[in-house]
Amino acid sequence: MKASILLATLAAVVLAPVAQAACQPNQKTVFRCTTAQGKAIEVCDAGAAIEYAFGRPQGKPEIVVSQPRASVTTYQWQGIGRTQSYTVNVPNGDTVYSVYDTYDSIDQKQESGVVVEIKGRQVATVKCSGRDTVSNIQGIKLRPAQ
């Protein structure tokens, strides 16, 4: 009996950092995933602001951007074509973090991640591993992307 309690406690301690979200209790998780490199991509809805974070889940994020809701945009799939695509675009000066979630209905493949653009030029794409993706981008009430 003691061994099973000890094992359960140990498992909870070891797995807790993976299960924790950076979004605060008063925020809604819009998107969360882990990359192949073990870093977390997360978008949180705080009501008046949208927050983007990137970095190690157990430590302080490398990047945190909080923007007023009015400056963040979204692209929502229009129901045409085989690829359902949704994005949330969080600006930070000349940089835009476009967190995306796509699903190809023919190949039945999902891909998620973040595309980083500086002055309109794509400089990086970081893909999610696909094992633990949480996406609530579909239907988010933000200004449509141009």
C-alpha atoms as a PDB file:
ATOM      1  CA  MET A   1       0.000   0.000   0.000  1.00  0.00           C
ATOM      2  CA  LYS A   2       2.766   2.440   0.980  1.00  0.00           C
ATOM      3  CA  ALA A   3       4.669   1.588  -2.202  1.00  0.00           C
ATOM      4  CA  SER A   4       1.670   2.441  -4.425  1.00  0.00           C
ATOM      5  CA  ILE A   5       1.134   5.771  -2.612  1.00  0.00           C
ATOM      6  CA  LEU A   6       4.831   6.578  -2.952  1.00  0.00           C
ATOM      7  CA  LEU A   7       4.750   5.656  -6.640  1.00  0.00           C
ATOM      8  CA  ALA A   8       1.650   7.805  -7.262  1.00  0.00           C
ATOM      9  CA  THR A   9       3.228  10.759  -5.439  1.00  0.00           C
ATOM     10  CA  LEU A  10       6.470  10.381  -7.373  1.00  0.00           C
ATOM     11  CA  ALA A  11       4.586  10.223 -10.690  1.00  0.00           C
ATOM     12  CA  ALA A  12       2.609  13.364  -9.799  1.00  0.00           C
ATOM     13  CA  VAL A  13       5.800  15.279  -8.971  1.00  0.00           C
ATOM     14  CA  VAL A  14       7.616  14.139 -12.116  1.00  0.00           C
ATOM     15  CA  LEU A  15       4.673  14.758 -14.452  1.00  0.00           C
ATOM     16  CA  ALA A  16       3.459  18.021 -12.870  1.00  0.00           C
ATOM     17  CA  PRO A  17       5.722  20.353 -14.909  1.00  0.00           C
ATOM     18  CA  VAL A  18       4.425  18.812 -18.141  1.00  0.00           C
ATOM     19  CA  ALA A  19       0.795  19.254 -17.146  1.00  0.00           C
ATOM     20  CA  GLN A  20       1.161  22.838 -15.886  1.00  0.00           C
ATOM     21  CA  ALA A  21       0.088  25.668 -18.128  1.00  0.00           C
ATOM     22  CA  ALA A  22       1.563  29.159 -18.137  1.00  0.00           C
ATOM     23  CA  CYS A  23      -1.902  30.690 -18.459  1.00  0.00           C
ATOM     24  CA  GLN A  24      -3.070  32.129 -15.163  1.00  0.00           C
ATOM     25  CA  PRO A  25      -6.300  30.867 -13.559  1.00  0.00           C
ATOM     26  CA  ASN A  26      -8.153  33.983 -14.766  1.00  0.00           C
ATOM     27  CA  GLN A  27      -6.991  33.403 -18.364  1.00  0.00           C
ATOM     28  CA  LYS A  28      -8.230  31.046 -21.063  1.00  0.00           C
ATOM     29  CA  THR A  29      -5.772  28.818 -22.919  1.00  0.00           C
ATOM     30  CA  VAL A  30      -6.108  29.647 -26.613  1.00  0.00           C
ATOM     31  CA  PHE A  31      -3.206  27.438 -27.687  1.00  0.00           C
ATOM     32  CA  ARG A  32      -0.531  25.302 -26.058  1.00  0.00           C
ATOM     33  CA  CYS A  33       1.960  22.751 -27.317  1.00  0.00           C
ATOM     34  CA  THR A  34       5.445  21.394 -26.809  1.00  0.00           C
ATOM     35  CA  THR A  35       8.046  21.479 -29.570  1.00  0.00           C
ATOM     36  CA  ALA A  36      10.397  18.622 -30.450  1.00  0.00           C
ATOM     37  CA  GLN A  37      13.073  20.590 -28.540  1.00  0.00           C
ATOM     38  CA  GLY A  38      10.937  20.484 -25.378  1.00  0.00           C
ATOM     39  CA  LYS A  39       9.934  24.146 -25.418  1.00  0.00           C
ATOM     40  CA  ALA A  40       6.384  25.372 -24.926  1.00  0.00           C
ATOM     41  CA  ILE A  41       4.381  27.630 -27.231  1.00  0.00           C
ATOM     42  CA  GLU A  42       1.381  29.184 -25.517  1.00  0.00           C
ATOM     43  CA  VAL A  43      -1.271  31.812 -26.192  1.00  0.00           C
ATOM     44  CA  CYS A  44      -3.475  32.990 -23.321  1.00  0.00           C
ATOM     45  CA  ASP A  45      -6.635  35.115 -23.450  1.00  0.00           C
ATOM     46  CA  ALA A  46      -6.750  37.518 -20.508  1.00  0.00           C
ATOM     47  CA  GLY A  47      -9.870  39.308 -21.752  1.00  0.00           C
ATOM     48  CA  ALA A  48      -8.479  42.762 -22.519  1.00  0.00           C
ATOM     49  CA  ALA A  49      -5.113  41.331 -23.633  1.00  0.00           C
ATOM     50  CA  ILE A  50      -3.684  38.329 -25.469  1.00  0.00           C
ATOM     51  CA  GLU A  51      -0.391  36.896 -24.240  1.00  0.00           C
ATOM     52  CA  TYR A  52       2.126  34.865 -26.265  1.00  0.00           C
ATOM     53  CA  ALA A  53       4.870  32.914 -24.471  1.00  0.00           C
ATOM     54  CA  PHE A  54       7.707  30.686 -25.702  1.00  0.00           C
ATOM     55  CA  GLY A  55      10.330  28.783 -23.750  1.00  0.00           C
ATOM     56  CA  ARG A  56      11.028  25.948 -21.347  1.00  0.00           C
ATOM     57  CA  PRO A  57       7.829  24.895 -19.529  1.00  0.00           C
ATOM     58  CA  GLN A  58       9.607  24.525 -16.175  1.00  0.00           C
ATOM     59  CA  GLY A  59      11.427  27.863 -16.267  1.00  0.00           C
ATOM     60  CA  LYS A  60      10.889  31.492 -17.075  1.00  0.00           C
ATOM     61  CA  PRO A  61       9.770  31.829 -20.729  1.00  0.00           C
ATOM     62  CA  GLU A  62      12.354  33.154 -23.200  1.00  0.00           C
ATOM     63  CA  ILE A  63       9.740  35.344 -24.877  1.00  0.00           C
ATOM     64  CA  VAL A  64       6.585  36.844 -23.370  1.00  0.00           C
ATOM     65  CA  VAL A  65       4.481  39.309 -25.348  1.00  0.00           C
ATOM     66  CA  SER A  66       1.260  40.801 -24.013  1.00  0.00           C
ATOM     67  CA  GLN A  67      -0.779  42.912 -26.412  1.00  0.00           C
ATOM     68  CA  PRO A  68      -4.138  44.642 -26.181  1.00  0.00           C
ATOM     69  CA  ARG A  69      -6.833  42.455 -27.727  1.00  0.00           C
ATOM     70  CA  ALA A  70      -7.508  45.103 -30.412  1.00  0.00           C
ATOM     71  CA  SER A  71      -3.968  44.747 -31.844  1.00  0.00           C
ATOM     72  CA  VAL A  72      -4.075  40.935 -32.166  1.00  0.00           C
ATOM     73  CA  THR A  73      -5.602  39.375 -35.293  1.00  0.00           C
ATOM     74  CA  THR A  74      -6.826  35.962 -36.356  1.00  0.00           C
ATOM     75  CA  TYR A  75      -7.339  33.973 -39.521  1.00  0.00           C
ATOM     76  CA  GLN A  76     -10.232  31.524 -39.458  1.00  0.00           C
ATOM     77  CA  TRP A  77     -10.713  28.828 -42.114  1.00  0.00           C
ATOM     78  CA  GLN A  78     -13.501  29.855 -44.477  1.00  0.00           C
ATOM     79  CA  GLY A  79     -14.776  26.326 -45.162  1.00  0.00           C
ATOM     80  CA  ILE A  80     -13.197  26.034 -48.612  1.00  0.00           C
ATOM     81  CA  GLY A  81     -10.339  23.691 -49.470  1.00  0.00           C
ATOM     82  CA  ARG A  82      -8.894  20.598 -47.904  1.00  0.00           C
ATOM     83  CA  THR A  83      -6.709  22.373 -45.345  1.00  0.00           C
ATOM     84  CA  GLN A  84      -8.450  23.843 -42.325  1.00  0.00           C
ATOM     85  CA  SER A  85      -6.221  26.633 -41.031  1.00  0.00           C
ATOM     86  CA  TYR A  86      -6.480  28.875 -37.983  1.00  0.00           C
ATOM     87  CA  THR A  87      -3.987  31.460 -36.703  1.00  0.00           C
ATOM     88  CA  VAL A  88      -3.566  34.044 -33.974  1.00  0.00           C
ATOM     89  CA  ASN A  89      -1.138  36.836 -34.885  1.00  0.00           C
ATOM     90  CA  VAL A  90       0.506  38.615 -31.955  1.00  0.00           C
ATOM     91  CA  PRO A  91       2.512  41.714 -32.939  1.00  0.00           C
ATOM     92  CA  ASN A  92       5.504  43.021 -31.012  1.00  0.00           C
ATOM     93  CA  GLY A  93       6.964  46.051 -32.755  1.00  0.00           C
ATOM     94  CA  ASP A  94       8.311  44.891 -36.146  1.00  0.00           C
ATOM     95  CA  THR A  95       7.905  41.232 -35.134  1.00  0.00           C
ATOM     96  CA  VAL A  96       4.740  39.141 -35.482  1.00  0.00           C
ATOM     97  CA  TYR A  97       4.285  35.750 -33.820  1.00  0.00           C
ATOM     98  CA  SER A  98       1.717  33.785 -35.852  1.00  0.00           C
ATOM     99  CA  VAL A  99       0.616  30.749 -33.881  1.00  0.00           C
ATOM    100  CA  TYR A 100      -1.098  28.299 -36.221  1.00  0.00           C
ATOM    101  CA  ASP A 101      -3.070  25.080 -36.201  1.00  0.00           C
ATOM    102  CA  THR A 102      -3.836  23.316 -39.499  1.00  0.00           C
ATOM    103  CA  TYR A 103      -5.508  20.074 -40.456  1.00  0.00           C
ATOM    104  CA  ASP A 104      -5.352  18.461 -43.916  1.00  0.00           C
ATOM    105  CA  SER A 105      -8.650  16.594 -44.295  1.00  0.00           C
ATOM    106  CA  ILE A 106      -7.390  14.363 -47.126  1.00  0.00           C
ATOM    107  CA  ASP A 107      -4.025  13.342 -45.659  1.00  0.00           C
ATOM    108  CA  GLN A 108      -5.524  13.530 -42.149  1.00  0.00           C
ATOM    109  CA  LYS A 109      -2.454  15.310 -40.823  1.00  0.00           C
ATOM    110  CA  GLN A 110      -2.387  18.066 -38.254  1.00  0.00           C
ATOM    111  CA  GLU A 111       0.429  20.592 -37.948  1.00  0.00           C
ATOM    112  CA  SER A 112       0.801  23.353 -35.390  1.00  0.00           C
ATOM    113  CA  GLY A 113       3.449  25.815 -34.354  1.00  0.00           C
ATOM    114  CA  VAL A 114       4.548  29.414 -34.654  1.00  0.00           C
ATOM    115  CA  VAL A 115       5.852  31.412 -37.603  1.00  0.00           C
ATOM    116  CA  VAL A 116       7.993  34.427 -36.704  1.00  0.00           C
ATOM    117  CA  GLU A 117       8.100  37.380 -39.093  1.00  0.00           C
ATOM    118  CA  ILE A 118      10.239  40.482 -38.761  1.00  0.00           C
ATOM    119  CA  LYS A 119       9.276  43.447 -40.961  1.00  0.00           C
ATOM    120  CA  GLY A 120       7.048  41.132 -43.021  1.00  0.00           C
ATOM    121  CA  ARG A 121       9.837  38.616 -43.693  1.00  0.00           C
ATOM    122  CA  GLN A 122       9.600  35.081 -42.302  1.00  0.00           C
ATOM    123  CA  VAL A 123      12.661  34.381 -40.149  1.00  0.00           C
ATOM    124  CA  ALA A 124      11.656  31.218 -38.272  1.00  0.00           C
ATOM    125  CA  THR A 125       9.107  28.430 -38.032  1.00  0.00           C
ATOM    126  CA  VAL A 126       8.910  26.291 -34.916  1.00  0.00           C
ATOM    127  CA  LYS A 127       6.639  23.247 -35.153  1.00  0.00           C
ATOM    128  CA  CYS A 128       4.862  21.483 -32.329  1.00  0.00           C
ATOM    129  CA  SER A 129       5.645  17.839 -31.648  1.00  0.00           C
ATOM    130  CA  GLY A 130       1.928  17.019 -31.989  1.00  0.00           C
ATOM    131  CA  ARG A 131       1.725  14.922 -28.829  1.00  0.00           C
ATOM    132  CA  ASP A 132       0.074  17.406 -26.477  1.00  0.00           C
ATOM    133  CA  THR A 133      -1.389  20.211 -28.571  1.00  0.00           C
ATOM    134  CA  VAL A 134      -4.352  22.121 -27.138  1.00  0.00           C
ATOM    135  CA  SER A 135      -5.967  24.450 -29.685  1.00  0.00           C
ATOM    136  CA  ASN A 136      -8.909  26.731 -29.032  1.00  0.00           C
ATOM    137  CA  ILE A 137      -8.081  29.110 -31.888  1.00  0.00           C
ATOM    138  CA  GLN A 138     -11.145  28.129 -33.907  1.00  0.00           C
ATOM    139  CA  GLY A 139     -13.882  30.687 -33.296  1.00  0.00           C
ATOM    140  CA  ILE A 140     -11.794  33.096 -31.188  1.00  0.00           C
ATOM    141  CA  LYS A 141     -13.255  36.601 -31.237  1.00  0.00           C
ATOM    142  CA  LEU A 142     -10.432  38.763 -32.603  1.00  0.00           C
ATOM    143  CA  ARG A 143     -10.091  41.195 -35.471  1.00  0.00           C
ATOM    144  CA  PRO A 144      -9.701  39.338 -38.805  1.00  0.00           C
ATOM    145  CA  ALA A 145      -6.202  39.335 -40.315  1.00  0.00           C
ATOM    146  CA  GLN A 146      -5.800  41.373 -43.484  1.00  0.00           C
END
